[in-house]
Amino acid sequence: MTKPKRLALITYGVIILIVSSLLVAELLVLRLPTQLHLPPQQQVQTINPLVGIHTRLAGVGDEAYIQRTLEQVREMGASWIVELFPWSYVQPRSRYGYDWTGADMIVQHARRQGLQVVARLDIVPEWARPPRTTDRYLDPDHYVDYANYVVAFAERYRPHDVHHLIIWNEPNLSFEWGERPPDPGAYAALLKVVYPRVKAAVPDAIVVAGGLSPGQSLGDGTVRMDDMQYLASLYHAGAAPYFDQWAVHAYGGQMPPDTDPAPEVVNFRRIELVHALMDASGDTDKPLIITEGGWNDHPRWAAAVQPAERIRWTIAAYELARAYDWLEAVCFWQFSTPFATRSYPDNWNFVAPDGTPRVIYLAVQQYARGWE
């Protein structure tokens, strides 16, 4: 062999070694823990242990911001948070290896503030879906991959007292089901894959069926399937043994929380219709948990209410919830976002993006902390 050929082979071998080392290092880095700066253990002071809120911390990555936000949640008197932990963030490149950096930061800081975490688990990584599909598209070929993620999450955060695992979000919406018509049978099949795997790994985990978009069908059921119809179809598909709790989205519309429920009306007490349907289906003992809901007070949005109404009705809803012995928590949408949209979504917030409490925050704080 000539000297140039030997040099070429040596160079090629070195390149292969370097590339292999980089690939191995990349996988190892995904597993390396990040040093967090955790404060002393805190405890929530509240007169109503059902008070909760939906946070929006996934993808922020700023530990100081996350700590400050969760401190404010505790100081408001909320005991519960719902937070999204996207599958695409934890396994962005393949089914091999996990990057828990962002999830660790949120879970550990939440627990230091004395908060109970309800984990919403969805958002599909690009490798686990066909080309030109949305990140809500999950097909049966990847149900097992998704179940593996849920199991890994449950095992990792069980020592941090994270028990509640929400399997998907609003699957009765085309948007949340990957721009496909809602399919209760397919969602039931997903639960049937996930539930046994989770229970085998973490028996005391609470598998929560994903909250539905409340209201009647849109687009003949292709855009949204009526939530009550969807729930009934899930029972017909044999889903009952494959979830421990049902998540509900209790948006109040433009009505007070004590307005009577009706199938054609979206209001806070629609949760009673959900509970009645579950009761009639033999699921009397399964609790519900509100993972989204509330009122919006944007001055120029047609579906909004007056700020004073929002304050009164939010507090009244938290108080009304205490009468439901089948309801575990009320986590309204939403605490804050790290950015402003300068449109009506900003007016779901309890706290401005810069951390300034809105009046709704101060009013709930006064109620939940029992201040006169």
Protein backbone atom coordinates (compact mmCIF):
# COMPACT_ATOMS: atom_id res chain seq x y z
CA MET A 1 0.00 0.00 0.00
CA THR A 2 1.34 3.40 -0.94
CA LYS A 3 2.02 6.06 1.66
CA PRO A 4 -0.75 8.39 0.38
CA LYS A 5 -3.28 5.56 0.66
CA ARG A 6 -2.15 4.74 4.21
CA LEU A 7 -2.47 8.40 5.18
CA ALA A 8 -5.91 8.54 3.61
CA LEU A 9 -7.06 5.45 5.55
CA ILE A 10 -5.63 6.82 8.80
CA THR A 11 -7.35 10.16 8.22
CA TYR A 12 -10.62 8.41 7.40
CA GLY A 13 -10.33 6.29 10.56
CA VAL A 14 -9.68 9.38 12.70
CA ILE A 15 -12.73 11.10 11.22
CA ILE A 16 -14.90 8.05 11.93
CA LEU A 17 -13.60 7.93 15.51
CA ILE A 18 -14.30 11.63 16.06
CA VAL A 19 -17.82 11.40 14.62
CA SER A 20 -18.59 8.30 16.69
CA SER A 21 -17.28 9.99 19.83
CA LEU A 22 -19.43 13.06 19.15
CA LEU A 23 -22.53 10.90 18.69
CA VAL A 24 -21.86 9.02 21.92
CA ALA A 25 -21.18 12.29 23.73
CA GLU A 26 -24.44 13.72 22.43
CA LEU A 27 -26.39 10.80 23.86
CA LEU A 28 -24.54 10.99 27.16
CA VAL A 29 -25.12 14.72 27.48
CA LEU A 30 -28.86 14.09 27.23
CA ARG A 31 -28.56 12.03 30.41
CA LEU A 32 -26.33 14.33 32.43
CA PRO A 33 -28.18 16.12 35.26
CA THR A 34 -28.15 19.90 35.38
CA GLN A 35 -27.14 21.61 38.62
CA LEU A 36 -30.13 23.60 39.83
CA HIS A 37 -30.22 26.43 42.34
CA LEU A 38 -33.14 25.34 44.48
CA PRO A 39 -34.52 27.49 47.31
CA PRO A 40 -35.49 26.12 50.75
CA GLN A 41 -38.63 24.01 50.93
CA GLN A 42 -41.84 26.05 51.09
CA GLN A 43 -45.45 25.26 51.91
CA VAL A 44 -48.62 26.70 50.37
CA GLN A 45 -50.86 28.67 52.71
CA THR A 46 -54.47 28.50 51.51
CA ILE A 47 -58.01 28.17 52.80
CA ASN A 48 -59.06 26.22 49.71
CA PRO A 49 -56.82 23.29 48.73
CA LEU A 50 -58.58 22.97 45.35
CA VAL A 51 -57.18 26.28 44.05
CA GLY A 52 -54.81 25.69 41.14
CA ILE A 53 -53.59 27.29 37.91
CA HIS A 54 -52.26 26.25 34.50
CA THR A 55 -48.69 27.50 34.05
CA ARG A 56 -46.81 28.02 30.77
CA LEU A 57 -43.16 27.27 31.58
CA ALA A 58 -42.19 24.59 29.05
CA GLY A 59 -39.36 25.73 26.81
CA VAL A 60 -38.51 28.82 28.87
CA GLY A 61 -35.21 27.47 30.21
CA ASP A 62 -34.62 30.51 32.45
CA GLU A 63 -34.30 29.13 35.97
CA ALA A 64 -34.72 32.53 37.65
CA TYR A 65 -37.94 33.17 35.70
CA ILE A 66 -39.28 29.71 36.53
CA GLN A 67 -38.48 30.09 40.22
CA ARG A 68 -40.06 33.54 40.40
CA THR A 69 -43.20 32.36 38.60
CA LEU A 70 -43.68 29.35 40.87
CA GLU A 71 -43.04 31.47 43.96
CA GLN A 72 -45.84 33.76 42.79
CA VAL A 73 -48.14 30.76 42.29
CA ARG A 74 -47.50 29.67 45.88
CA GLU A 75 -47.90 33.19 47.20
CA MET A 76 -51.28 33.43 45.43
CA GLY A 77 -52.47 30.50 47.54
CA ALA A 78 -52.62 27.89 44.77
CA SER A 79 -51.65 24.33 45.64
CA TRP A 80 -51.78 22.85 42.12
CA ILE A 81 -50.24 23.57 38.72
CA VAL A 82 -50.88 21.96 35.37
CA GLU A 83 -47.86 22.14 33.08
CA LEU A 84 -47.14 20.81 29.61
CA PHE A 85 -44.05 18.61 29.28
CA PRO A 86 -43.67 18.17 25.51
CA TRP A 87 -42.47 14.80 24.31
CA SER A 88 -40.66 16.64 21.50
CA TYR A 89 -38.50 18.49 24.06
CA VAL A 90 -37.47 15.37 25.95
CA GLN A 91 -36.75 13.14 22.92
CA PRO A 92 -36.13 15.66 20.14
CA ARG A 93 -33.96 13.50 17.86
CA SER A 94 -34.85 9.84 18.35
CA ARG A 95 -36.38 7.27 20.66
CA TYR A 96 -32.92 6.72 22.17
CA GLY A 97 -31.93 8.96 25.04
CA TYR A 98 -33.76 11.61 27.06
CA ASP A 99 -33.10 15.28 27.72
CA TRP A 100 -34.77 16.05 31.07
CA THR A 101 -33.15 19.45 31.57
CA GLY A 102 -36.26 21.59 31.17
CA ALA A 103 -38.62 19.17 32.87
CA ASP A 104 -36.28 18.76 35.86
CA MET A 105 -36.13 22.51 36.32
CA ILE A 106 -39.92 22.90 36.40
CA VAL A 107 -40.70 19.85 38.53
CA GLN A 108 -38.02 20.41 41.15
CA HIS A 109 -38.76 24.11 41.56
CA ALA A 110 -42.49 23.41 41.75
CA ARG A 111 -41.98 20.85 44.48
CA ARG A 112 -39.73 23.24 46.42
CA GLN A 113 -42.63 25.70 46.40
CA GLY A 114 -44.93 23.00 47.80
CA LEU A 115 -46.93 22.71 44.57
CA GLN A 116 -48.58 19.55 43.27
CA VAL A 117 -47.70 19.05 39.59
CA VAL A 118 -50.20 17.71 37.06
CA ALA A 119 -48.20 16.78 33.97
CA ARG A 120 -49.75 17.15 30.53
CA LEU A 121 -47.84 14.92 28.11
CA ASP A 122 -48.16 15.46 24.36
CA ILE A 123 -46.52 17.23 21.35
CA VAL A 124 -44.97 14.72 18.96
CA PRO A 125 -41.28 14.93 17.95
CA GLU A 126 -40.56 15.10 14.25
CA TRP A 127 -38.99 11.64 14.13
CA ALA A 128 -42.22 10.06 15.45
CA ARG A 129 -44.60 11.36 12.78
CA PRO A 130 -44.88 11.36 8.99
CA PRO A 131 -43.43 14.22 6.95
CA ARG A 132 -45.57 17.35 6.58
CA THR A 133 -47.73 16.56 9.60
CA THR A 134 -48.25 18.72 12.68
CA ASP A 135 -46.74 18.10 16.09
CA ARG A 136 -50.13 16.84 17.30
CA TYR A 137 -50.14 13.95 14.82
CA LEU A 138 -49.69 10.61 16.58
CA ASP A 139 -50.43 7.48 14.64
CA PRO A 140 -50.76 3.93 16.01
CA ASP A 141 -47.28 3.00 14.77
CA HIS A 142 -45.86 5.31 17.46
CA TYR A 143 -48.27 4.62 20.33
CA VAL A 144 -45.62 2.44 21.95
CA ASP A 145 -42.95 5.15 21.56
CA TYR A 146 -45.27 7.64 23.24
CA ALA A 147 -46.06 5.12 25.99
CA ASN A 148 -42.33 4.66 26.56
CA TYR A 149 -42.03 8.43 27.10
CA VAL A 150 -44.93 8.49 29.56
CA VAL A 151 -43.44 5.57 31.50
CA ALA A 152 -39.99 7.19 31.62
CA PHE A 153 -41.57 10.44 32.83
CA ALA A 154 -43.58 8.63 35.50
CA GLU A 155 -40.53 6.74 36.76
CA ARG A 156 -38.32 9.82 36.85
CA TYR A 157 -40.73 12.09 38.71
CA ARG A 158 -42.48 9.66 41.03
CA PRO A 159 -39.80 10.39 43.68
CA HIS A 160 -40.81 14.08 43.34
CA ASP A 161 -44.45 13.19 44.11
CA VAL A 162 -45.67 13.72 40.55
CA HIS A 163 -48.58 11.32 40.18
CA HIS A 164 -50.99 12.88 37.66
CA LEU A 165 -50.23 12.18 33.98
CA ILE A 166 -52.56 13.69 31.36
CA ILE A 167 -52.64 11.61 28.19
CA TRP A 168 -53.06 14.11 25.36
CA ASN A 169 -55.06 17.32 25.21
CA GLU A 170 -58.45 18.03 23.64
CA PRO A 171 -58.46 15.00 21.32
CA ASN A 172 -61.99 15.95 20.21
CA LEU A 173 -60.47 18.85 18.23
CA SER A 174 -59.07 18.32 14.75
CA PHE A 175 -56.21 20.72 15.56
CA GLU A 176 -55.13 18.69 18.61
CA TRP A 177 -55.54 15.39 16.77
CA GLY A 178 -53.07 16.26 14.05
CA GLU A 179 -55.48 18.05 11.68
CA ARG A 180 -57.51 14.86 11.37
CA PRO A 181 -61.19 14.34 12.23
CA PRO A 182 -61.55 13.52 15.94
CA ASP A 183 -61.57 9.77 16.51
CA PRO A 184 -62.67 8.47 19.93
CA GLY A 185 -61.81 4.90 18.93
CA ALA A 186 -58.23 5.86 18.14
CA TYR A 187 -57.88 7.76 21.42
CA ALA A 188 -59.31 4.77 23.31
CA ALA A 189 -56.72 2.58 21.58
CA LEU A 190 -53.98 4.97 22.74
CA LEU A 191 -55.17 4.74 26.35
CA LYS A 192 -55.20 0.94 26.06
CA VAL A 193 -51.52 0.99 25.07
CA VAL A 194 -50.37 3.55 27.63
CA TYR A 195 -52.30 2.60 30.76
CA PRO A 196 -51.00 -0.97 31.33
CA ARG A 197 -47.42 0.12 30.69
CA VAL A 198 -47.62 2.98 33.18
CA LYS A 199 -49.33 0.92 35.88
CA ALA A 200 -46.80 -1.87 35.53
CA ALA A 201 -43.93 0.59 36.07
CA VAL A 202 -45.50 3.00 38.59
CA PRO A 203 -48.60 1.41 40.15
CA ASP A 204 -49.69 4.51 42.06
CA ALA A 205 -49.53 6.80 39.01
CA ILE A 206 -52.84 8.50 38.15
CA VAL A 207 -53.54 8.24 34.43
CA VAL A 208 -55.74 11.19 33.46
CA ALA A 209 -57.75 11.14 30.24
CA GLY A 210 -57.19 14.34 28.28
CA GLY A 211 -59.58 17.25 28.77
CA LEU A 212 -61.97 17.88 25.90
CA SER A 213 -62.81 21.15 24.18
CA PRO A 214 -66.26 21.91 25.64
CA GLY A 215 -69.20 22.50 23.36
CA GLN A 216 -71.24 21.15 20.51
CA SER A 217 -69.85 19.77 17.26
CA LEU A 218 -68.31 22.05 14.65
CA GLY A 219 -68.01 21.19 10.98
CA ASP A 220 -70.29 18.18 11.39
CA GLY A 221 -67.86 16.83 13.95
CA THR A 222 -64.77 17.07 11.74
CA VAL A 223 -63.47 20.26 13.40
CA ARG A 224 -64.75 19.50 16.89
CA MET A 225 -66.79 16.55 18.07
CA ASP A 226 -69.28 17.43 20.79
CA ASP A 227 -67.50 16.72 24.06
CA MET A 228 -70.40 14.76 25.54
CA GLN A 229 -70.73 12.68 22.38
CA TYR A 230 -66.97 12.06 22.37
CA LEU A 231 -66.99 10.94 25.99
CA ALA A 232 -69.92 8.58 25.39
CA SER A 233 -68.10 7.14 22.36
CA LEU A 234 -65.00 6.51 24.49
CA TYR A 235 -67.06 4.41 26.86
CA HIS A 236 -68.56 2.52 23.93
CA ALA A 237 -65.00 1.87 22.74
CA GLY A 238 -64.14 0.19 26.05
CA ALA A 239 -61.87 2.93 27.41
CA ALA A 240 -63.23 2.89 30.99
CA PRO A 241 -60.62 0.54 32.52
CA TYR A 242 -57.75 2.54 31.00
CA PHE A 243 -57.87 5.83 32.89
CA ASP A 244 -58.10 6.73 36.58
CA GLN A 245 -59.37 10.30 36.32
CA TRP A 246 -60.99 12.59 33.80
CA ALA A 247 -59.68 16.08 32.98
CA VAL A 248 -62.26 18.74 32.15
CA HIS A 249 -61.97 22.20 30.63
CA ALA A 250 -64.39 24.40 32.54
CA TYR A 251 -64.57 27.67 30.63
CA GLY A 252 -67.30 29.99 31.86
CA GLY A 253 -68.08 31.85 28.65
CA GLN A 254 -69.97 34.99 29.57
CA MET A 255 -72.00 33.45 32.37
CA PRO A 256 -71.56 33.33 36.15
CA PRO A 257 -70.30 30.02 37.54
CA ASP A 258 -73.64 29.15 39.16
CA THR A 259 -75.55 29.26 35.83
CA ASP A 260 -77.46 26.01 35.31
CA PRO A 261 -75.77 23.50 32.98
CA ALA A 262 -77.33 22.44 29.68
CA PRO A 263 -76.02 20.29 26.80
CA GLU A 264 -76.07 23.24 24.39
CA VAL A 265 -74.38 25.69 26.79
CA VAL A 266 -70.68 26.09 27.58
CA ASN A 267 -70.36 27.25 31.17
CA PHE A 268 -68.58 26.30 34.39
CA ARG A 269 -71.22 23.84 35.57
CA ARG A 270 -70.92 21.80 32.38
CA ILE A 271 -68.59 19.69 34.52
CA GLU A 272 -71.73 18.38 36.23
CA LEU A 273 -72.94 16.96 32.91
CA VAL A 274 -69.58 15.25 32.44
CA HIS A 275 -69.76 13.75 35.93
CA ALA A 276 -73.35 12.59 35.36
CA LEU A 277 -72.39 10.87 32.09
CA MET A 278 -69.47 9.13 33.80
CA ASP A 279 -71.80 8.08 36.63
CA ALA A 280 -74.31 6.66 34.14
CA SER A 281 -71.45 4.77 32.44
CA GLY A 282 -70.46 3.04 35.69
CA ASP A 283 -67.54 5.32 36.58
CA THR A 284 -69.12 6.74 39.70
CA ASP A 285 -65.96 6.63 41.79
CA LYS A 286 -63.60 8.30 39.30
CA PRO A 287 -62.78 11.91 40.21
CA LEU A 288 -62.56 14.83 37.82
CA ILE A 289 -59.90 17.52 37.72
CA ILE A 290 -60.22 20.88 35.99
CA THR A 291 -57.06 21.44 33.95
CA GLU A 292 -58.22 24.52 32.02
CA GLY A 293 -61.02 27.03 32.46
CA GLY A 294 -61.98 30.47 33.62
CA TRP A 295 -62.94 33.81 32.10
CA ASN A 296 -61.23 36.34 29.83
CA ASP A 297 -61.47 40.11 30.43
CA HIS A 298 -60.04 41.58 27.22
CA PRO A 299 -61.69 44.97 26.53
CA ARG A 300 -62.23 44.33 22.81
CA TRP A 301 -62.89 40.57 22.51
CA ALA A 302 -66.51 39.64 21.84
CA ALA A 303 -66.35 36.58 24.14
CA ALA A 304 -64.83 38.45 27.11
CA VAL A 305 -66.41 39.69 30.33
CA GLN A 306 -65.83 42.76 32.44
CA PRO A 307 -62.75 42.64 34.73
CA ALA A 308 -64.95 42.96 37.82
CA GLU A 309 -67.09 40.04 36.63
CA ARG A 310 -64.02 37.93 36.00
CA ILE A 311 -62.79 38.57 39.54
CA ARG A 312 -66.12 37.75 41.20
CA TRP A 313 -66.80 34.70 39.07
CA THR A 314 -63.31 33.23 39.38
CA ILE A 315 -63.43 33.39 43.17
CA ALA A 316 -67.01 32.10 43.19
CA ALA A 317 -65.99 29.15 40.99
CA TYR A 318 -63.10 28.22 43.28
CA GLU A 319 -65.54 28.34 46.20
CA LEU A 320 -68.32 26.46 44.37
CA ALA A 321 -65.87 23.67 43.56
CA ARG A 322 -65.66 22.81 47.24
CA ALA A 323 -69.21 21.44 47.04
CA TYR A 324 -68.17 18.76 44.51
CA ASP A 325 -66.75 15.79 46.41
CA TRP A 326 -65.75 14.24 43.07
CA LEU A 327 -63.53 17.18 41.99
CA GLU A 328 -59.85 17.12 42.95
CA ALA A 329 -58.59 20.52 41.82
CA VAL A 330 -59.46 23.63 39.79
CA CYS A 331 -56.55 24.75 37.60
CA PHE A 332 -57.67 27.75 35.57
CA TRP A 333 -56.05 29.00 32.37
CA GLN A 334 -53.51 30.62 32.71
CA PHE A 335 -51.01 32.05 35.18
CA SER A 336 -48.68 33.94 32.83
CA THR A 337 -46.59 33.75 29.67
CA PRO A 338 -43.04 35.00 29.11
CA PHE A 339 -44.21 37.13 26.19
CA ALA A 340 -47.19 39.30 25.28
CA THR A 341 -49.36 38.66 22.21
CA ARG A 342 -50.97 42.11 22.47
CA SER A 343 -54.32 40.50 21.79
CA TYR A 344 -57.07 38.76 23.74
CA PRO A 345 -54.93 35.73 24.81
CA ASP A 346 -53.03 38.06 27.17
CA ASN A 347 -56.22 38.53 29.15
CA TRP A 348 -56.38 34.98 30.35
CA ASN A 349 -53.24 35.77 32.37
CA PHE A 350 -53.19 36.32 36.13
CA VAL A 351 -49.71 37.91 35.95
CA ALA A 352 -48.14 40.06 33.20
CA PRO A 353 -45.08 38.76 31.30
CA ASP A 354 -42.78 41.00 33.34
CA GLY A 355 -44.05 39.47 36.58
CA THR A 356 -46.45 42.26 37.56
CA PRO A 357 -49.55 40.79 39.25
CA ARG A 358 -52.84 41.71 37.64
CA VAL A 359 -55.85 42.60 39.79
CA ILE A 360 -57.27 39.08 39.30
CA TYR A 361 -54.12 37.67 40.93
CA LEU A 362 -54.41 39.99 43.93
CA ALA A 363 -58.09 39.19 44.39
CA VAL A 364 -57.53 35.42 44.28
CA GLN A 365 -54.59 35.82 46.64
CA GLN A 366 -56.75 37.70 49.13
CA TYR A 367 -59.41 34.97 48.92
CA ALA A 368 -57.12 31.93 48.99
CA ARG A 369 -54.86 33.23 51.75
CA GLY A 370 -57.87 34.10 53.87
CA TRP A 371 -56.97 37.77 54.12
CA GLU A 372 -59.68 40.19 55.17
